[in-house]
PDB file of N, CA and C in Angstrom:
ATOM      1  N   MET A   1     157.346 -38.859 117.695  1.00  0.00           N
ATOM      2  CA  MET A   1     156.340 -39.657 117.795  1.00  0.00           C
ATOM      3  C   MET A   1     155.651 -39.438 119.376  1.00  0.00           C
ATOM      4  N   GLN A   2     154.475 -39.705 119.505  1.00  0.00           N
ATOM      5  CA  GLN A   2     153.763 -39.287 120.613  1.00  0.00           C
ATOM      6  C   GLN A   2     153.381 -40.900 121.325  1.00  0.00           C
ATOM      7  N   LYS A   3     153.226 -40.993 122.428  1.00  0.00           N
ATOM      8  CA  LYS A   3     153.186 -42.105 123.108  1.00  0.00           C
ATOM      9  C   LYS A   3     151.830 -42.555 123.669  1.00  0.00           C
ATOM     10  N   GLN A   4     151.141 -43.603 123.509  1.00  0.00           N
ATOM     11  CA  GLN A   4     149.799 -43.857 123.752  1.00  0.00           C
ATOM     12  C   GLN A   4     149.986 -44.878 125.205  1.00  0.00           C
ATOM     13  N   LYS A   5     148.683 -44.913 125.334  1.00  0.00           N
ATOM     14  CA  LYS A   5     148.775 -45.870 126.881  1.00  0.00           C
ATOM     15  C   LYS A   5     149.354 -47.295 126.442  1.00  0.00           C
ATOM     16  N   GLY A   6     149.984 -47.807 127.536  1.00  0.00           N
ATOM     17  CA  GLY A   6     150.925 -49.073 126.896  1.00  0.00           C
ATOM     18  C   GLY A   6     152.400 -49.050 126.545  1.00  0.00           C
ATOM     19  N   GLY A   7     152.575 -47.565 126.683  1.00  0.00           N
ATOM     20  CA  GLY A   7     153.876 -47.617 126.599  1.00  0.00           C
ATOM     21  C   GLY A   7     154.137 -47.457 124.443  1.00  0.00           C
ATOM     22  N   ALA A   8     153.154 -47.770 123.792  1.00  0.00           N
ATOM     23  CA  ALA A   8     153.252 -47.961 122.126  1.00  0.00           C
ATOM     24  C   ALA A   8     153.265 -46.604 121.569  1.00  0.00           C
ATOM     25  N   GLU A   9     154.172 -46.367 120.818  1.00  0.00           N
ATOM     26  CA  GLU A   9     154.403 -45.109 120.085  1.00  0.00           C
ATOM     27  C   GLU A   9     153.149 -45.448 118.873  1.00  0.00           C
ATOM     28  N   LYS A  10     152.794 -44.010 119.029  1.00  0.00           N
ATOM     29  CA  LYS A  10     151.641 -43.556 117.822  1.00  0.00           C
ATOM     30  C   LYS A  10     152.085 -43.338 116.445  1.00  0.00           C
ATOM     31  N   VAL A  11     151.913 -44.117 115.714  1.00  0.00           N
ATOM     32  CA  VAL A  11     152.526 -43.955 114.269  1.00  0.00           C
ATOM     33  C   VAL A  11     151.961 -42.576 113.576  1.00  0.00           C
ATOM     34  N   LYS A  12     152.764 -41.620 112.665  1.00  0.00           N
ATOM     35  CA  LYS A  12     152.086 -40.824 111.912  1.00  0.00           C
ATOM     36  C   LYS A  12     152.174 -41.186 110.810  1.00  0.00           C
ATOM     37  N   SER A  13     151.103 -40.388 109.918  1.00  0.00           N
ATOM     38  CA  SER A  13     151.130 -40.492 108.735  1.00  0.00           C
ATOM     39  C   SER A  13     151.890 -40.061 107.942  1.00  0.00           C
ATOM     40  N   TRP A  14     152.747 -40.436 106.726  1.00  0.00           N
ATOM     41  CA  TRP A  14     153.570 -39.842 105.371  1.00  0.00           C
ATOM     42  C   TRP A  14     152.702 -38.556 105.026  1.00  0.00           C
ATOM     43  N   LEU A  15     153.375 -37.454 104.696  1.00  0.00           N
ATOM     44  CA  LEU A  15     152.634 -36.728 103.893  1.00  0.00           C
ATOM     45  C   LEU A  15     153.164 -36.355 102.635  1.00  0.00           C
ATOM     46  N   ALA A  16     152.286 -36.275 101.281  1.00  0.00           N
ATOM     47  CA  ALA A  16     152.751 -36.136 100.218  1.00  0.00           C
ATOM     48  C   ALA A  16     152.155 -34.820  99.469  1.00  0.00           C
ATOM     49  N   LYS A  17     152.730 -33.967  98.841  1.00  0.00           N
ATOM     50  CA  LYS A  17     151.765 -33.106  98.073  1.00  0.00           C
ATOM     51  C   LYS A  17     151.851 -33.169  96.729  1.00  0.00           C
ATOM     52  N   ARG A  18     150.596 -33.244  96.324  1.00  0.00           N
ATOM     53  CA  ARG A  18     149.756 -33.488  95.065  1.00  0.00           C
ATOM     54  C   ARG A  18     149.856 -32.377  94.349  1.00  0.00           C
ATOM     55  N   VAL A  19     150.799 -32.440  93.269  1.00  0.00           N
ATOM     56  CA  VAL A  19     151.068 -31.348  92.184  1.00  0.00           C
ATOM     57  C   VAL A  19     149.616 -31.623  90.888  1.00  0.00           C
ATOM     58  N   GLY A  20     148.765 -31.440  91.047  1.00  0.00           N
ATOM     59  CA  GLY A  20     147.880 -31.716  89.766  1.00  0.00           C
ATOM     60  C   GLY A  20     147.974 -33.237  89.133  1.00  0.00           C
ATOM     61  N   ASN A  21     147.588 -33.435  88.061  1.00  0.00           N
ATOM     62  CA  ASN A  21     147.286 -34.730  87.453  1.00  0.00           C
ATOM     63  C   ASN A  21     148.814 -34.763  86.393  1.00  0.00           C
ATOM     64  N   SER A  22     149.732 -33.544  86.551  1.00  0.00           N
ATOM     65  CA  SER A  22     150.620 -33.863  85.508  1.00  0.00           C
ATOM     66  C   SER A  22     151.755 -34.651  85.891  1.00  0.00           C
ATOM     67  N   ILE A  23     151.842 -34.714  87.306  1.00  0.00           N
ATOM     68  CA  ILE A  23     153.316 -35.543  87.475  1.00  0.00           C
ATOM     69  C   ILE A  23     152.697 -36.951  88.094  1.00  0.00           C
ATOM     70  N   LYS A  24     153.188 -37.855  87.713  1.00  0.00           N
ATOM     71  CA  LYS A  24     152.754 -39.426  88.196  1.00  0.00           C
ATOM     72  C   LYS A  24     154.384 -39.857  88.604  1.00  0.00           C
ATOM     73  N   GLU A  25     154.520 -40.108  90.168  1.00  0.00           N
ATOM     74  CA  GLU A  25     155.379 -40.636  90.567  1.00  0.00           C
ATOM     75  C   GLU A  25     155.378 -41.948  90.937  1.00  0.00           C
ATOM     76  N   GLY A  26     156.300 -42.955  90.414  1.00  0.00           N
ATOM     77  CA  GLY A  26     156.003 -44.390  91.219  1.00  0.00           C
ATOM     78  C   GLY A  26     157.205 -44.818  91.636  1.00  0.00           C
ATOM     79  N   ILE A  27     157.465 -46.076  92.373  1.00  0.00           N
ATOM     80  CA  ILE A  27     158.599 -46.604  92.916  1.00  0.00           C
ATOM     81  C   ILE A  27     158.793 -48.011  92.691  1.00  0.00           C
ATOM     82  N   ILE A  28     159.765 -48.346  92.494  1.00  0.00           N
ATOM     83  CA  ILE A  28     160.149 -49.896  92.257  1.00  0.00           C
ATOM     84  C   ILE A  28     160.850 -50.582  93.370  1.00  0.00           C
ATOM     85  N   SER A  29     160.577 -51.802  93.896  1.00  0.00           N
ATOM     86  CA  SER A  29     161.697 -52.093  94.957  1.00  0.00           C
ATOM     87  C   SER A  29     161.255 -53.532  94.862  1.00  0.00           C
ATOM     88  N   GLY A  30     162.284 -54.226  95.503  1.00  0.00           N
ATOM     89  CA  GLY A  30     162.360 -55.563  95.677  1.00  0.00           C
ATOM     90  C   GLY A  30     161.784 -55.291  97.372  1.00  0.00           C
ATOM     91  N   LEU A  31     161.651 -57.181  98.145  1.00  0.00           N
ATOM     92  CA  LEU A  31     161.505 -57.115  99.425  1.00  0.00           C
ATOM     93  C   LEU A  31     161.788 -58.409  99.748  1.00  0.00           C
ATOM     94  N   VAL A  32     162.798 -58.209 100.760  1.00  0.00           N
ATOM     95  CA  VAL A  32     163.401 -59.160 101.109  1.00  0.00           C
ATOM     96  C   VAL A  32     163.338 -59.179 102.756  1.00  0.00           C
ATOM     97  N   ASN A  33     162.887 -60.304 103.197  1.00  0.00           N
ATOM     98  CA  ASN A  33     162.836 -60.246 104.702  1.00  0.00           C
ATOM     99  C   ASN A  33     161.904 -58.852 105.157  1.00  0.00           C
ATOM    100  N   ASN A  34     161.028 -58.586 104.466  1.00  0.00           N
ATOM    101  CA  ASN A  34     160.324 -57.363 104.654  1.00  0.00           C
ATOM    102  C   ASN A  34     160.884 -56.291 104.941  1.00  0.00           C
ATOM    103  N   LYS A  35     161.729 -55.907 104.144  1.00  0.00           N
ATOM    104  CA  LYS A  35     162.745 -55.052 104.091  1.00  0.00           C
ATOM    105  C   LYS A  35     162.573 -54.280 102.599  1.00  0.00           C
ATOM    106  N   PRO A  36     162.611 -53.420 101.977  1.00  0.00           N
ATOM    107  CA  PRO A  36     162.876 -52.732 100.765  1.00  0.00           C
ATOM    108  C   PRO A  36     163.761 -52.950 100.306  1.00  0.00           C
ATOM    109  N   THR A  37     164.311 -53.487  98.757  1.00  0.00           N
ATOM    110  CA  THR A  37     165.619 -53.548  98.472  1.00  0.00           C
ATOM    111  C   THR A  37     165.763 -53.105  97.049  1.00  0.00           C
ATOM    112  N   ALA A  38     166.805 -52.283  96.560  1.00  0.00           N
ATOM    113  CA  ALA A  38     167.171 -51.685  95.198  1.00  0.00           C
ATOM    114  C   ALA A  38     165.900 -50.731  95.069  1.00  0.00           C
ATOM    115  N   PRO A  39     165.396 -49.762  95.926  1.00  0.00           N
ATOM    116  CA  PRO A  39     164.256 -49.151  95.628  1.00  0.00           C
ATOM    117  C   PRO A  39     164.726 -47.692  94.497  1.00  0.00           C
ATOM    118  N   ILE A  40     164.050 -47.583  93.644  1.00  0.00           N
ATOM    119  CA  ILE A  40     164.066 -46.390  92.676  1.00  0.00           C
ATOM    120  C   ILE A  40     162.671 -45.754  92.761  1.00  0.00           C
ATOM    121  N   VAL A  41     162.828 -44.537  92.482  1.00  0.00           N
ATOM    122  CA  VAL A  41     161.517 -43.405  92.148  1.00  0.00           C
ATOM    123  C   VAL A  41     161.683 -42.808  91.077  1.00  0.00           C
ATOM    124  N   PHE A  42     160.643 -42.890  90.464  1.00  0.00           N
ATOM    125  CA  PHE A  42     160.752 -42.067  88.944  1.00  0.00           C
ATOM    126  C   PHE A  42     159.395 -41.934  88.446  1.00  0.00           C
ATOM    127  N   ASN A  43     159.360 -40.654  87.514  1.00  0.00           N
ATOM    128  CA  ASN A  43     158.368 -40.122  86.937  1.00  0.00           C
ATOM    129  C   ASN A  43     157.747 -40.665  85.737  1.00  0.00           C
ATOM    130  N   GLY A  44     156.263 -41.118  85.883  1.00  0.00           N
ATOM    131  CA  GLY A  44     155.600 -41.530  84.990  1.00  0.00           C
ATOM    132  C   GLY A  44     155.245 -42.690  84.840  1.00  0.00           C
ATOM    133  N   SER A  45     155.325 -43.562  84.043  1.00  0.00           N
ATOM    134  CA  SER A  45     154.745 -45.055  83.873  1.00  0.00           C
ATOM    135  C   SER A  45     155.990 -45.869  83.623  1.00  0.00           C
ATOM    136  N   CYS A  46     155.697 -46.894  84.396  1.00  0.00           N
ATOM    137  CA  CYS A  46     156.999 -47.897  84.209  1.00  0.00           C
ATOM    138  C   CYS A  46     156.869 -48.798  82.905  1.00  0.00           C
ATOM    139  N   ASP A  47     158.137 -49.198  82.155  1.00  0.00           N
ATOM    140  CA  ASP A  47     157.980 -49.799  81.086  1.00  0.00           C
ATOM    141  C   ASP A  47     159.443 -50.879  80.886  1.00  0.00           C
ATOM    142  N   THR A  48     159.636 -51.418  79.963  1.00  0.00           N
ATOM    143  CA  THR A  48     160.602 -52.433  79.638  1.00  0.00           C
ATOM    144  C   THR A  48     161.745 -51.771  80.141  1.00  0.00           C
ATOM    145  N   VAL A  49     162.004 -50.412  79.985  1.00  0.00           N
ATOM    146  CA  VAL A  49     163.255 -49.954  79.914  1.00  0.00           C
ATOM    147  C   VAL A  49     163.633 -49.642  81.153  1.00  0.00           C
ATOM    148  N   LEU A  50     162.641 -49.100  81.748  1.00  0.00           N
ATOM    149  CA  LEU A  50     162.931 -48.684  83.235  1.00  0.00           C
ATOM    150  C   LEU A  50     162.902 -49.910  84.106  1.00  0.00           C
ATOM    151  N   LEU A  51     162.247 -50.920  83.791  1.00  0.00           N
ATOM    152  CA  LEU A  51     162.105 -52.386  84.617  1.00  0.00           C
ATOM    153  C   LEU A  51     163.497 -52.882  84.432  1.00  0.00           C
ATOM    154  N   GLN A  52     164.120 -52.369  83.284  1.00  0.00           N
ATOM    155  CA  GLN A  52     165.613 -53.410  82.677  1.00  0.00           C
ATOM    156  C   GLN A  52     166.583 -52.787  83.571  1.00  0.00           C
ATOM    157  N   VAL A  53     166.584 -51.321  83.842  1.00  0.00           N
ATOM    158  CA  VAL A  53     167.446 -50.436  84.722  1.00  0.00           C
ATOM    159  C   VAL A  53     167.332 -50.734  86.343  1.00  0.00           C
ATOM    160  N   TRP A  54     165.982 -51.156  86.466  1.00  0.00           N
ATOM    161  CA  TRP A  54     165.808 -51.473  87.961  1.00  0.00           C
ATOM    162  C   TRP A  54     166.601 -52.901  88.512  1.00  0.00           C
ATOM    163  N   VAL A  55     166.400 -54.057  87.315  1.00  0.00           N
ATOM    164  CA  VAL A  55     166.944 -55.191  87.463  1.00  0.00           C
ATOM    165  C   VAL A  55     168.600 -55.231  87.472  1.00  0.00           C
ATOM    166  N   GLU A  56     169.180 -54.435  86.937  1.00  0.00           N
ATOM    167  CA  GLU A  56     170.518 -54.270  86.829  1.00  0.00           C
ATOM    168  C   GLU A  56     170.826 -53.683  88.504  1.00  0.00           C
ATOM    169  N   PHE A  57     170.175 -52.882  88.956  1.00  0.00           N
ATOM    170  CA  PHE A  57     170.255 -52.391  90.485  1.00  0.00           C
ATOM    171  C   PHE A  57     170.041 -53.813  91.703  1.00  0.00           C
ATOM    172  N   LEU A  58     168.817 -54.460  91.246  1.00  0.00           N
ATOM    173  CA  LEU A  58     168.398 -55.492  91.921  1.00  0.00           C
ATOM    174  C   LEU A  58     169.722 -56.602  92.099  1.00  0.00           C
ATOM    175  N   ILE A  59     169.894 -56.915  90.784  1.00  0.00           N
ATOM    176  CA  ILE A  59     171.084 -58.283  90.723  1.00  0.00           C
ATOM    177  C   ILE A  59     171.989 -57.971  91.556  1.00  0.00           C
ATOM    178  N   LYS A  60     172.562 -56.587  92.069  1.00  0.00           N
ATOM    179  CA  LYS A  60     173.462 -56.266  92.699  1.00  0.00           C
ATOM    180  C   LYS A  60     173.054 -57.153  94.444  1.00  0.00           C
ATOM    181  N   GLU A  61     172.144 -57.245  94.778  1.00  0.00           N
ATOM    182  CA  GLU A  61     171.600 -57.245  96.125  1.00  0.00           C
ATOM    183  C   GLU A  61     171.143 -58.413  95.862  1.00  0.00           C
ATOM    184  N   LEU A  62     170.838 -59.353  94.983  1.00  0.00           N
ATOM    185  CA  LEU A  62     170.662 -60.855  95.035  1.00  0.00           C
ATOM    186  C   LEU A  62     171.924 -61.982  95.514  1.00  0.00           C
ATOM    187  N   LYS A  63     171.378 -63.000  96.243  1.00  0.00           N
ATOM    188  CA  LYS A  63     172.091 -64.020  96.335  1.00  0.00           C
ATOM    189  C   LYS A  63     171.888 -65.275  95.558  1.00  0.00           C
ATOM    190  N   SER A  64     173.053 -65.918  94.959  1.00  0.00           N
ATOM    191  CA  SER A  64     172.661 -67.063  94.321  1.00  0.00           C
ATOM    192  C   SER A  64     171.292 -67.749  94.921  1.00  0.00           C
ATOM    193  N   GLY A  65     170.439 -68.339  94.168  1.00  0.00           N
ATOM    194  CA  GLY A  65     169.617 -69.090  94.790  1.00  0.00           C
ATOM    195  C   GLY A  65     168.091 -68.613  95.218  1.00  0.00           C
ATOM    196  N   GLN A  66     168.108 -67.196  95.329  1.00  0.00           N
ATOM    197  CA  GLN A  66     166.877 -66.493  95.639  1.00  0.00           C
ATOM    198  C   GLN A  66     165.976 -66.431  94.375  1.00  0.00           C
ATOM    199  N   GLY A  67     164.672 -66.486  94.709  1.00  0.00           N
ATOM    200  CA  GLY A  67     163.652 -66.324  93.704  1.00  0.00           C
ATOM    201  C   GLY A  67     163.115 -64.973  93.557  1.00  0.00           C
ATOM    202  N   VAL A  68     162.804 -64.318  92.134  1.00  0.00           N
ATOM    203  CA  VAL A  68     162.407 -63.026  92.163  1.00  0.00           C
ATOM    204  C   VAL A  68     160.963 -63.192  91.805  1.00  0.00           C
ATOM    205  N   ILE A  69     160.009 -62.729  92.554  1.00  0.00           N
ATOM    206  CA  ILE A  69     158.515 -63.165  92.225  1.00  0.00           C
ATOM    207  C   ILE A  69     157.873 -61.761  91.516  1.00  0.00           C
ATOM    208  N   MET A  70     157.323 -61.678  90.383  1.00  0.00           N
ATOM    209  CA  MET A  70     156.854 -60.951  89.497  1.00  0.00           C
ATOM    210  C   MET A  70     155.439 -61.056  89.061  1.00  0.00           C
ATOM    211  N   ASP A  71     154.852 -60.035  89.011  1.00  0.00           N
ATOM    212  CA  ASP A  71     153.473 -60.489  88.330  1.00  0.00           C
ATOM    213  C   ASP A  71     153.507 -60.406  86.888  1.00  0.00           C
ATOM    214  N   ASN A  72     152.017 -60.455  86.316  1.00  0.00           N
ATOM    215  CA  ASN A  72     152.180 -61.041  84.977  1.00  0.00           C
ATOM    216  C   ASN A  72     152.624 -59.463  83.831  1.00  0.00           C
ATOM    217  N   ALA A  73     152.525 -58.727  84.442  1.00  0.00           N
ATOM    218  CA  ALA A  73     152.820 -57.179  83.651  1.00  0.00           C
ATOM    219  C   ALA A  73     153.569 -57.262  82.486  1.00  0.00           C
ATOM    220  N   SER A  74     153.219 -57.031  81.298  1.00  0.00           N
ATOM    221  CA  SER A  74     154.394 -57.501  80.346  1.00  0.00           C
ATOM    222  C   SER A  74     155.346 -56.919  79.923  1.00  0.00           C
ATOM    223  N   PHE A  75     155.733 -55.798  80.818  1.00  0.00           N
ATOM    224  CA  PHE A  75     157.406 -55.385  80.949  1.00  0.00           C
ATOM    225  C   PHE A  75     158.256 -56.041  81.545  1.00  0.00           C
ATOM    226  N   HIS A  76     157.431 -56.727  83.023  1.00  0.00           N
ATOM    227  CA  HIS A  76     158.275 -57.967  83.645  1.00  0.00           C
ATOM    228  C   HIS A  76     158.778 -59.326  82.671  1.00  0.00           C
ATOM    229  N   LYS A  77     158.329 -59.523  81.596  1.00  0.00           N
ATOM    230  CA  LYS A  77     158.407 -60.551  80.789  1.00  0.00           C
ATOM    231  C   LYS A  77     159.791 -60.436  79.718  1.00  0.00           C
ATOM    232  N   SER A  78     160.274 -59.575  79.825  1.00  0.00           N
ATOM    233  CA  SER A  78     161.670 -58.855  78.446  1.00  0.00           C
ATOM    234  C   SER A  78     162.559 -60.152  78.651  1.00  0.00           C
ATOM    235  N   ASN A  79     163.014 -60.597  77.681  1.00  0.00           N
ATOM    236  CA  ASN A  79     164.165 -61.537  77.873  1.00  0.00           C
ATOM    237  C   ASN A  79     165.627 -60.954  78.545  1.00  0.00           C
ATOM    238  N   ARG A  80     165.726 -59.677  78.514  1.00  0.00           N
ATOM    239  CA  ARG A  80     167.117 -59.256  79.036  1.00  0.00           C
ATOM    240  C   ARG A  80     166.828 -58.939  80.402  1.00  0.00           C
ATOM    241  N   SER A  81     165.652 -58.983  81.382  1.00  0.00           N
ATOM    242  CA  SER A  81     165.121 -58.499  82.324  1.00  0.00           C
ATOM    243  C   SER A  81     165.806 -60.079  82.951  1.00  0.00           C
ATOM    244  N   GLN A  82     164.997 -61.386  82.314  1.00  0.00           N
ATOM    245  CA  GLN A  82     165.126 -62.370  82.847  1.00  0.00           C
ATOM    246  C   GLN A  82     166.437 -63.006  82.746  1.00  0.00           C
ATOM    247  N   GLU A  83     167.321 -62.600  81.479  1.00  0.00           N
ATOM    248  CA  GLU A  83     168.622 -62.992  81.227  1.00  0.00           C
ATOM    249  C   GLU A  83     169.256 -62.372  82.646  1.00  0.00           C
ATOM    250  N   LEU A  84     169.111 -61.185  82.930  1.00  0.00           N
ATOM    251  CA  LEU A  84     170.014 -60.373  84.372  1.00  0.00           C
ATOM    252  C   LEU A  84     169.611 -61.242  85.264  1.00  0.00           C
ATOM    253  N   ILE A  85     168.720 -61.777  85.771  1.00  0.00           N
ATOM    254  CA  ILE A  85     168.425 -62.144  87.001  1.00  0.00           C
ATOM    255  C   ILE A  85     168.586 -63.756  87.142  1.00  0.00           C
ATOM    256  N   GLU A  86     168.797 -64.407  85.784  1.00  0.00           N
ATOM    257  CA  GLU A  86     169.453 -65.816  85.810  1.00  0.00           C
ATOM    258  C   GLU A  86     170.842 -65.683  85.710  1.00  0.00           C
ATOM    259  N   SER A  87     171.621 -64.115  85.276  1.00  0.00           N
ATOM    260  CA  SER A  87     172.938 -64.291  85.391  1.00  0.00           C
ATOM    261  C   SER A  87     173.697 -64.621  86.562  1.00  0.00           C
ATOM    262  N   VAL A  88     172.952 -64.019  87.721  1.00  0.00           N
ATOM    263  CA  VAL A  88     173.037 -64.515  89.257  1.00  0.00           C
ATOM    264  C   VAL A  88     172.750 -65.203  89.653  1.00  0.00           C
ATOM    265  N   LYS A  89     172.197 -66.465  88.750  1.00  0.00           N
ATOM    266  CA  LYS A  89     171.956 -67.616  89.463  1.00  0.00           C
ATOM    267  C   LYS A  89     170.666 -67.833  90.507  1.00  0.00           C
ATOM    268  N   CYS A  90     170.042 -66.845  89.880  1.00  0.00           N
ATOM    269  CA  CYS A  90     168.487 -66.537  90.286  1.00  0.00           C
ATOM    270  C   CYS A  90     167.400 -66.916  89.404  1.00  0.00           C
ATOM    271  N   SER A  91     166.233 -67.398  90.171  1.00  0.00           N
ATOM    272  CA  SER A  91     164.581 -67.900  89.141  1.00  0.00           C
ATOM    273  C   SER A  91     163.817 -66.805  89.533  1.00  0.00           C
ATOM    274  N   ILE A  92     163.192 -66.591  88.348  1.00  0.00           N
ATOM    275  CA  ILE A  92     162.032 -65.814  88.398  1.00  0.00           C
ATOM    276  C   ILE A  92     160.709 -66.499  88.655  1.00  0.00           C
ATOM    277  N   ILE A  93     159.877 -66.006  89.349  1.00  0.00           N
ATOM    278  CA  ILE A  93     158.526 -66.926  89.677  1.00  0.00           C
ATOM    279  C   ILE A  93     157.256 -65.836  89.182  1.00  0.00           C
ATOM    280  N   PHE A  94     156.811 -66.229  88.342  1.00  0.00           N
ATOM    281  CA  PHE A  94     155.690 -65.836  88.016  1.00  0.00           C
ATOM    282  C   PHE A  94     154.336 -66.123  88.531  1.00  0.00           C
ATOM    283  N   LEU A  95     153.330 -64.815  88.974  1.00  0.00           N
ATOM    284  CA  LEU A  95     152.582 -65.142  89.797  1.00  0.00           C
ATOM    285  C   LEU A  95     151.097 -65.598  88.628  1.00  0.00           C
ATOM    286  N   LEU A  96     150.385 -66.005  89.009  1.00  0.00           N
ATOM    287  CA  LEU A  96     148.844 -66.109  87.896  1.00  0.00           C
ATOM    288  C   LEU A  96     148.116 -65.104  87.635  1.00  0.00           C
ATOM    289  N   PRO A  97     148.074 -65.038  86.889  1.00  0.00           N
ATOM    290  CA  PRO A  97     147.324 -63.656  86.264  1.00  0.00           C
ATOM    291  C   PRO A  97     146.071 -62.923  87.439  1.00  0.00           C
ATOM    292  N   TYR A  98     146.058 -61.836  87.656  1.00  0.00           N
ATOM    293  CA  TYR A  98     145.120 -61.571  88.472  1.00  0.00           C
ATOM    294  C   TYR A  98     145.390 -61.752  89.965  1.00  0.00           C
ATOM    295  N   SER A  99     146.397 -62.170  90.130  1.00  0.00           N
ATOM    296  CA  SER A  99     146.778 -62.526  91.876  1.00  0.00           C
ATOM    297  C   SER A  99     147.315 -61.829  92.549  1.00  0.00           C
ATOM    298  N   PRO A 100     147.197 -60.148  92.815  1.00  0.00           N
ATOM    299  CA  PRO A 100     148.214 -59.663  93.417  1.00  0.00           C
ATOM    300  C   PRO A 100     148.130 -59.974  94.878  1.00  0.00           C
ATOM    301  N   ASP A 101     147.417 -60.675  95.349  1.00  0.00           N
ATOM    302  CA  ASP A 101     146.797 -61.029  96.859  1.00  0.00           C
ATOM    303  C   ASP A 101     147.917 -62.047  96.945  1.00  0.00           C
ATOM    304  N   LEU A 102     148.608 -62.596  95.878  1.00  0.00           N
ATOM    305  CA  LEU A 102     149.756 -63.853  96.264  1.00  0.00           C
ATOM    306  C   LEU A 102     151.224 -62.877  96.095  1.00  0.00           C
ATOM    307  N   ASN A 103     151.075 -61.475  95.834  1.00  0.00           N
ATOM    308  CA  ASN A 103     152.676 -61.008  95.936  1.00  0.00           C
ATOM    309  C   ASN A 103     152.902 -60.467  97.140  1.00  0.00           C
ATOM    310  N   PRO A 104     153.749 -60.938  97.909  1.00  0.00           N
ATOM    311  CA  PRO A 104     154.236 -60.473  99.174  1.00  0.00           C
ATOM    312  C   PRO A 104     154.373 -58.632  98.958  1.00  0.00           C
ATOM    313  N   ILE A 105     155.063 -58.368  98.037  1.00  0.00           N
ATOM    314  CA  ILE A 105     155.449 -56.865  98.040  1.00  0.00           C
ATOM    315  C   ILE A 105     153.984 -55.590  97.818  1.00  0.00           C
ATOM    316  N   GLU A 106     152.856 -56.528  97.459  1.00  0.00           N
ATOM    317  CA  GLU A 106     151.714 -55.560  97.461  1.00  0.00           C
ATOM    318  C   GLU A 106     151.105 -55.321  98.790  1.00  0.00           C
ATOM    319  N   LYS A 107     151.337 -56.470  99.634  1.00  0.00           N
ATOM    320  CA  LYS A 107     151.061 -56.163 101.183  1.00  0.00           C
ATOM    321  C   LYS A 107     151.748 -54.812 101.557  1.00  0.00           C
ATOM    322  N   PHE A 108     153.248 -55.071 101.293  1.00  0.00           N
ATOM    323  CA  PHE A 108     153.816 -54.086 102.030  1.00  0.00           C
ATOM    324  C   PHE A 108     153.587 -52.336 101.425  1.00  0.00           C
ATOM    325  N   TRP A 109     153.672 -52.459 100.028  1.00  0.00           N
ATOM    326  CA  TRP A 109     152.898 -51.253  99.661  1.00  0.00           C
ATOM    327  C   TRP A 109     151.700 -50.784  99.672  1.00  0.00           C
ATOM    328  N   ALA A 110     150.758 -51.921 100.160  1.00  0.00           N
ATOM    329  CA  ALA A 110     149.051 -51.324 100.482  1.00  0.00           C
ATOM    330  C   ALA A 110     149.284 -50.689 101.825  1.00  0.00           C
ATOM    331  N   ASN A 111     150.053 -51.181 102.709  1.00  0.00           N
ATOM    332  CA  ASN A 111     150.667 -50.489 104.290  1.00  0.00           C
ATOM    333  C   ASN A 111     151.092 -49.258 104.277  1.00  0.00           C
ATOM    334  N   MET A 112     152.222 -48.953 103.055  1.00  0.00           N
ATOM    335  CA  MET A 112     152.483 -47.803 102.915  1.00  0.00           C
ATOM    336  C   MET A 112     151.647 -46.824 102.384  1.00  0.00           C
ATOM    337  N   LYS A 113     150.863 -47.224 101.311  1.00  0.00           N
ATOM    338  CA  LYS A 113     149.765 -46.102 101.123  1.00  0.00           C
ATOM    339  C   LYS A 113     148.784 -45.912 102.145  1.00  0.00           C
ATOM    340  N   ARG A 114     148.621 -46.892 103.093  1.00  0.00           N
ATOM    341  CA  ARG A 114     147.427 -46.501 103.969  1.00  0.00           C
ATOM    342  C   ARG A 114     148.138 -45.440 104.952  1.00  0.00           C
ATOM    343  N   TRP A 115     149.402 -45.175 104.950  1.00  0.00           N
ATOM    344  CA  TRP A 115     149.801 -43.983 105.881  1.00  0.00           C
ATOM    345  C   TRP A 115     150.056 -42.917 105.032  1.00  0.00           C
ATOM    346  N   THR A 116     150.153 -42.839 103.856  1.00  0.00           N
ATOM    347  CA  THR A 116     150.178 -41.507 103.045  1.00  0.00           C
ATOM    348  C   THR A 116     148.989 -40.613 102.855  1.00  0.00           C
ATOM    349  N   ILE A 117     149.158 -39.486 103.004  1.00  0.00           N
ATOM    350  CA  ILE A 117     148.118 -38.638 102.850  1.00  0.00           C
ATOM    351  C   ILE A 117     148.374 -37.620 101.822  1.00  0.00           C
ATOM    352  N   TYR A 118     147.513 -37.516 100.916  1.00  0.00           N
ATOM    353  CA  TYR A 118     147.744 -36.609  99.726  1.00  0.00           C
ATOM    354  C   TYR A 118     147.405 -35.353  99.879  1.00  0.00           C
TER     355      TYR A 118
END
């Protein structure tokens, strides 16, 4: 990183190569204390099965009494995902419909995407 005036480091952008429209990559992650938790990268679109696989990773990181905030995507509402989260004595908080501004992880990903160049 390069130094700027005042001793602050200049932030460099991430580089990602786009390979046509045939490959869609995504990432699922929790956010605890502004740090990604249980991240997984996948190809394609997210669905109920993929989310359940991720929740199995997530519950290993959760502590009893924590809340898991989710939007109202249909695949977030599967009984199995809810059972897994509740099995570790955590609760699920569903956001109001169409309110990504209330979800802390949306701000995290917005900043991440801002530094990504395709």
